[in-house]
N, C-alpha and C. Protein backbone atom coordinates (compact mmCIF):
# COMPACT_ATOMS: atom_id res chain seq x y z
N MET A 1 -1.47 -55.74 34.70
CA MET A 1 -2.83 -56.15 34.38
C MET A 1 -3.81 -55.33 35.22
N VAL A 2 -4.82 -54.82 34.60
CA VAL A 2 -5.82 -53.98 35.23
C VAL A 2 -7.03 -54.84 35.58
N SER A 3 -7.58 -54.64 36.78
CA SER A 3 -8.79 -55.38 37.18
C SER A 3 -9.82 -54.42 37.73
N ARG A 4 -11.08 -54.75 37.50
CA ARG A 4 -12.18 -53.95 38.05
C ARG A 4 -12.02 -53.91 39.57
N GLY A 5 -12.12 -52.71 40.13
CA GLY A 5 -11.96 -52.53 41.57
C GLY A 5 -10.57 -52.08 41.99
N ASP A 6 -9.59 -52.18 41.08
CA ASP A 6 -8.26 -51.67 41.38
C ASP A 6 -8.30 -50.16 41.50
N VAL A 7 -7.40 -49.62 42.29
CA VAL A 7 -7.20 -48.17 42.37
C VAL A 7 -5.86 -47.87 41.72
N TRP A 8 -5.89 -47.00 40.71
CA TRP A 8 -4.68 -46.60 39.99
C TRP A 8 -4.55 -45.08 40.04
N LEU A 9 -3.32 -44.62 39.99
CA LEU A 9 -3.07 -43.19 39.80
C LEU A 9 -3.18 -42.93 38.30
N VAL A 10 -4.02 -41.95 37.94
CA VAL A 10 -4.33 -41.66 36.54
C VAL A 10 -3.87 -40.25 36.21
N LEU A 11 -3.18 -40.14 35.07
CA LEU A 11 -2.74 -38.81 34.62
C LEU A 11 -3.95 -37.92 34.40
N PRO A 12 -3.83 -36.63 34.71
CA PRO A 12 -4.94 -35.71 34.47
C PRO A 12 -5.17 -35.52 32.98
N PRO A 13 -6.38 -35.10 32.60
CA PRO A 13 -6.64 -34.85 31.18
C PRO A 13 -5.77 -33.71 30.67
N GLU A 14 -5.51 -33.73 29.37
CA GLU A 14 -4.73 -32.64 28.78
C GLU A 14 -5.42 -31.31 29.05
N GLY A 15 -4.63 -30.30 29.33
CA GLY A 15 -5.19 -28.99 29.60
C GLY A 15 -5.54 -28.77 31.06
N ALA A 16 -5.19 -29.75 31.92
CA ALA A 16 -5.51 -29.63 33.34
C ALA A 16 -4.52 -28.74 34.08
N GLY A 17 -3.51 -28.27 33.40
CA GLY A 17 -2.51 -27.41 34.03
C GLY A 17 -1.22 -28.18 34.24
N GLU A 18 -0.12 -27.47 34.21
CA GLU A 18 1.17 -28.14 34.30
C GLU A 18 1.47 -28.67 35.70
N ASN A 19 0.79 -28.18 36.72
CA ASN A 19 1.03 -28.67 38.08
C ASN A 19 0.10 -29.82 38.47
N ALA A 20 -0.80 -30.21 37.57
CA ALA A 20 -1.73 -31.29 37.87
C ALA A 20 -0.96 -32.60 37.98
N GLU A 21 -1.27 -33.36 39.01
CA GLU A 21 -0.60 -34.63 39.27
C GLU A 21 -1.57 -35.78 39.07
N PRO A 22 -1.04 -37.00 38.92
CA PRO A 22 -1.92 -38.16 38.81
C PRO A 22 -2.85 -38.24 40.02
N HIS A 23 -4.08 -38.67 39.77
CA HIS A 23 -5.12 -38.71 40.79
C HIS A 23 -5.59 -40.15 40.98
N PRO A 24 -5.86 -40.58 42.23
CA PRO A 24 -6.35 -41.94 42.41
C PRO A 24 -7.75 -42.12 41.84
N CYS A 25 -7.92 -43.21 41.10
CA CYS A 25 -9.20 -43.54 40.49
C CYS A 25 -9.46 -45.04 40.63
N VAL A 26 -10.71 -45.40 40.77
CA VAL A 26 -11.08 -46.81 40.81
C VAL A 26 -11.49 -47.25 39.41
N ILE A 27 -11.04 -48.44 39.02
CA ILE A 27 -11.37 -49.01 37.72
C ILE A 27 -12.78 -49.57 37.78
N LEU A 28 -13.66 -49.12 36.88
CA LEU A 28 -15.05 -49.58 36.85
C LEU A 28 -15.35 -50.49 35.66
N SER A 29 -14.57 -50.38 34.61
CA SER A 29 -14.87 -51.14 33.39
C SER A 29 -14.59 -52.63 33.58
N PRO A 30 -15.36 -53.45 32.87
CA PRO A 30 -15.14 -54.90 32.91
C PRO A 30 -13.95 -55.27 32.03
N PRO A 31 -13.39 -56.47 32.24
CA PRO A 31 -12.23 -56.88 31.46
C PRO A 31 -12.50 -56.92 29.96
N GLU A 32 -13.73 -57.14 29.54
CA GLU A 32 -14.05 -57.16 28.12
C GLU A 32 -13.73 -55.83 27.45
N ILE A 33 -13.71 -54.76 28.21
CA ILE A 33 -13.36 -53.45 27.66
C ILE A 33 -11.86 -53.19 27.81
N HIS A 34 -11.36 -53.20 29.05
CA HIS A 34 -9.97 -52.79 29.21
C HIS A 34 -8.95 -53.80 28.71
N ASP A 35 -9.29 -55.08 28.65
CA ASP A 35 -8.33 -56.06 28.15
C ASP A 35 -8.21 -56.06 26.63
N TYR A 36 -9.27 -55.64 25.93
CA TYR A 36 -9.28 -55.76 24.47
C TYR A 36 -9.28 -54.44 23.72
N LEU A 37 -9.73 -53.38 24.37
CA LEU A 37 -9.82 -52.09 23.66
C LEU A 37 -8.76 -51.08 24.08
N GLY A 38 -8.04 -51.37 25.16
CA GLY A 38 -6.98 -50.47 25.58
C GLY A 38 -7.45 -49.22 26.29
N VAL A 39 -8.71 -49.19 26.69
CA VAL A 39 -9.24 -48.06 27.46
C VAL A 39 -9.85 -48.59 28.75
N VAL A 40 -9.92 -47.72 29.76
CA VAL A 40 -10.53 -48.08 31.03
C VAL A 40 -11.49 -46.99 31.47
N THR A 41 -12.58 -47.37 32.08
CA THR A 41 -13.52 -46.41 32.64
C THR A 41 -13.21 -46.31 34.12
N VAL A 42 -13.01 -45.09 34.60
CA VAL A 42 -12.58 -44.84 35.97
C VAL A 42 -13.46 -43.79 36.63
N ALA A 43 -13.43 -43.80 37.96
CA ALA A 43 -14.06 -42.73 38.74
C ALA A 43 -13.02 -42.25 39.75
N PRO A 44 -12.86 -40.93 39.88
CA PRO A 44 -11.87 -40.41 40.81
C PRO A 44 -12.25 -40.65 42.27
N ILE A 45 -11.22 -40.77 43.09
CA ILE A 45 -11.39 -40.88 44.54
C ILE A 45 -10.87 -39.59 45.14
N SER A 46 -11.69 -38.95 45.97
CA SER A 46 -11.29 -37.71 46.63
C SER A 46 -11.21 -37.93 48.13
N PRO A 47 -10.12 -37.51 48.74
CA PRO A 47 -10.02 -37.61 50.20
C PRO A 47 -11.03 -36.68 50.85
N GLY A 48 -11.54 -37.11 51.98
CA GLY A 48 -12.55 -36.30 52.67
C GLY A 48 -13.82 -36.31 51.88
N GLY A 49 -13.94 -35.40 50.96
CA GLY A 49 -15.07 -35.35 50.03
C GLY A 49 -16.43 -35.32 50.69
N ALA A 50 -17.24 -34.38 50.29
CA ALA A 50 -18.59 -34.28 50.82
C ALA A 50 -19.44 -35.42 50.28
N ARG A 51 -20.24 -35.99 51.15
CA ARG A 51 -21.16 -37.03 50.70
C ARG A 51 -22.28 -36.39 49.89
N ALA A 52 -22.67 -37.08 48.84
CA ALA A 52 -23.74 -36.60 47.96
C ALA A 52 -24.29 -37.80 47.22
N ALA A 53 -25.38 -37.58 46.52
CA ALA A 53 -25.95 -38.65 45.72
C ALA A 53 -24.91 -39.19 44.75
N TYR A 54 -24.85 -40.48 44.62
CA TYR A 54 -23.95 -41.17 43.70
C TYR A 54 -22.48 -41.03 44.05
N ARG A 55 -22.18 -40.74 45.28
CA ARG A 55 -20.81 -40.79 45.79
C ARG A 55 -20.74 -41.93 46.80
N VAL A 56 -19.74 -42.77 46.66
CA VAL A 56 -19.62 -43.95 47.51
C VAL A 56 -18.51 -43.71 48.52
N PRO A 57 -18.84 -43.76 49.81
CA PRO A 57 -17.81 -43.54 50.83
C PRO A 57 -16.89 -44.77 50.96
N LEU A 58 -15.64 -44.50 51.31
CA LEU A 58 -14.67 -45.57 51.56
C LEU A 58 -13.54 -45.01 52.39
N THR A 59 -12.66 -45.89 52.83
CA THR A 59 -11.43 -45.47 53.49
C THR A 59 -10.32 -45.66 52.48
N PHE A 60 -9.56 -44.59 52.23
CA PHE A 60 -8.45 -44.66 51.28
C PHE A 60 -7.29 -43.85 51.84
N ALA A 61 -6.10 -44.38 51.75
CA ALA A 61 -4.90 -43.71 52.27
C ALA A 61 -5.09 -43.36 53.75
N ASN A 62 -5.65 -44.32 54.49
CA ASN A 62 -5.85 -44.19 55.94
C ASN A 62 -6.78 -43.07 56.35
N GLY A 63 -7.69 -42.69 55.48
CA GLY A 63 -8.63 -41.64 55.83
C GLY A 63 -9.93 -41.77 55.06
N PRO A 64 -10.94 -40.98 55.45
CA PRO A 64 -12.22 -41.02 54.73
C PRO A 64 -12.06 -40.44 53.33
N ALA A 65 -12.79 -41.02 52.40
CA ALA A 65 -12.76 -40.57 51.01
C ALA A 65 -14.08 -40.93 50.36
N VAL A 66 -14.28 -40.47 49.13
CA VAL A 66 -15.46 -40.83 48.36
C VAL A 66 -15.06 -41.15 46.92
N ILE A 67 -15.79 -42.09 46.33
CA ILE A 67 -15.67 -42.34 44.89
C ILE A 67 -16.68 -41.41 44.24
N ARG A 68 -16.23 -40.57 43.35
CA ARG A 68 -17.07 -39.54 42.73
C ARG A 68 -17.63 -40.06 41.41
N LEU A 69 -18.72 -40.79 41.49
CA LEU A 69 -19.30 -41.40 40.30
C LEU A 69 -19.84 -40.38 39.30
N GLU A 70 -20.11 -39.16 39.77
CA GLU A 70 -20.60 -38.13 38.86
C GLU A 70 -19.48 -37.63 37.93
N GLN A 71 -18.25 -38.10 38.17
CA GLN A 71 -17.11 -37.67 37.35
C GLN A 71 -16.45 -38.83 36.61
N ILE A 72 -17.21 -39.88 36.29
CA ILE A 72 -16.61 -41.00 35.56
C ILE A 72 -16.10 -40.53 34.21
N ARG A 73 -15.04 -41.18 33.76
CA ARG A 73 -14.49 -40.90 32.44
C ARG A 73 -13.76 -42.13 31.93
N THR A 74 -13.57 -42.17 30.64
CA THR A 74 -12.83 -43.27 30.02
C THR A 74 -11.51 -42.71 29.53
N VAL A 75 -10.43 -43.41 29.89
CA VAL A 75 -9.08 -42.97 29.53
C VAL A 75 -8.35 -44.14 28.86
N GLU A 76 -7.32 -43.81 28.13
CA GLU A 76 -6.48 -44.85 27.55
C GLU A 76 -5.66 -45.48 28.68
N GLN A 77 -5.37 -46.77 28.55
CA GLN A 77 -4.63 -47.47 29.59
C GLN A 77 -3.29 -46.83 29.87
N ARG A 78 -2.70 -46.19 28.89
CA ARG A 78 -1.39 -45.58 29.13
C ARG A 78 -1.47 -44.40 30.10
N ALA A 79 -2.68 -43.91 30.41
CA ALA A 79 -2.84 -42.83 31.39
C ALA A 79 -2.71 -43.35 32.83
N LEU A 80 -2.72 -44.68 33.00
CA LEU A 80 -2.56 -45.27 34.33
C LEU A 80 -1.07 -45.29 34.66
N THR A 81 -0.69 -44.67 35.77
CA THR A 81 0.74 -44.58 36.09
C THR A 81 1.21 -45.70 37.02
N ARG A 82 0.46 -45.98 38.08
CA ARG A 82 0.82 -47.09 38.97
C ARG A 82 -0.38 -47.46 39.84
N GLN A 83 -0.41 -48.72 40.23
CA GLN A 83 -1.51 -49.18 41.07
C GLN A 83 -1.29 -48.69 42.49
N ALA A 84 -2.37 -48.22 43.11
CA ALA A 84 -2.30 -47.67 44.47
C ALA A 84 -3.18 -48.46 45.44
N GLY A 85 -3.62 -49.64 45.04
CA GLY A 85 -4.45 -50.46 45.93
C GLY A 85 -5.66 -51.00 45.19
N ALA A 86 -6.67 -51.33 45.98
CA ALA A 86 -7.94 -51.84 45.44
C ALA A 86 -9.02 -51.56 46.47
N VAL A 87 -10.25 -51.42 45.99
CA VAL A 87 -11.38 -51.26 46.91
C VAL A 87 -11.90 -52.66 47.27
N ASP A 88 -12.56 -52.76 48.40
CA ASP A 88 -13.11 -54.07 48.79
C ASP A 88 -14.36 -54.37 47.97
N ARG A 89 -14.77 -55.63 48.01
CA ARG A 89 -15.92 -56.07 47.19
C ARG A 89 -17.20 -55.30 47.52
N LYS A 90 -17.41 -55.01 48.80
CA LYS A 90 -18.62 -54.29 49.22
C LYS A 90 -18.65 -52.89 48.60
N THR A 91 -17.52 -52.22 48.61
CA THR A 91 -17.43 -50.87 48.04
C THR A 91 -17.62 -50.90 46.52
N LEU A 92 -16.99 -51.86 45.86
CA LEU A 92 -17.15 -51.99 44.41
C LEU A 92 -18.60 -52.28 44.06
N ARG A 93 -19.22 -53.18 44.81
CA ARG A 93 -20.63 -53.51 44.57
C ARG A 93 -21.51 -52.27 44.74
N ALA A 94 -21.24 -51.46 45.77
CA ALA A 94 -22.02 -50.24 46.00
C ALA A 94 -21.84 -49.26 44.84
N ALA A 95 -20.62 -49.15 44.31
CA ALA A 95 -20.37 -48.24 43.19
C ALA A 95 -21.10 -48.72 41.93
N LEU A 96 -21.03 -50.01 41.63
CA LEU A 96 -21.69 -50.53 40.44
C LEU A 96 -23.21 -50.44 40.56
N THR A 97 -23.74 -50.65 41.76
CA THR A 97 -25.19 -50.51 41.99
C THR A 97 -25.61 -49.06 41.79
N ALA A 98 -24.82 -48.13 42.30
CA ALA A 98 -25.13 -46.70 42.14
C ALA A 98 -25.10 -46.30 40.67
N LEU A 99 -24.15 -46.84 39.91
CA LEU A 99 -24.09 -46.53 38.47
C LEU A 99 -25.31 -47.06 37.74
N ARG A 100 -25.76 -48.27 38.08
CA ARG A 100 -26.97 -48.81 37.44
C ARG A 100 -28.15 -47.90 37.74
N GLU A 101 -28.27 -47.45 38.97
CA GLU A 101 -29.36 -46.56 39.37
C GLU A 101 -29.23 -45.21 38.66
N MET A 102 -28.03 -44.73 38.54
CA MET A 102 -27.77 -43.44 37.94
C MET A 102 -28.19 -43.39 36.47
N PHE A 103 -28.00 -44.50 35.75
CA PHE A 103 -28.27 -44.52 34.33
C PHE A 103 -29.58 -45.21 33.96
N ALA A 104 -30.36 -45.64 34.97
CA ALA A 104 -31.65 -46.27 34.69
C ALA A 104 -32.67 -45.20 34.31
N GLU A 105 -33.67 -45.62 33.55
CA GLU A 105 -34.74 -44.67 33.19
C GLU A 105 -35.72 -44.55 34.33
């Protein structure tokens, strides 16, 4: 079962190269989407990662990382390979707030 705020390893998009490996991503979509439509909206998590507008800092895999909201995408649930954790409520709230700001007029 997928939940908003979970971190999953996600298969790379087709054409990403044969050496591309699953990448950690945070689930952003609400259950009304991923539970009924079979797709999830995710944002990749990059270790280290330079801070920039619309990037949310967090600690992941025992080190600094960022959620890269400028790279959100929607993938089919079958692209999720395994759960790798979850972000805390404060981090999820910061990501959702940044997305609202990002798409506001």
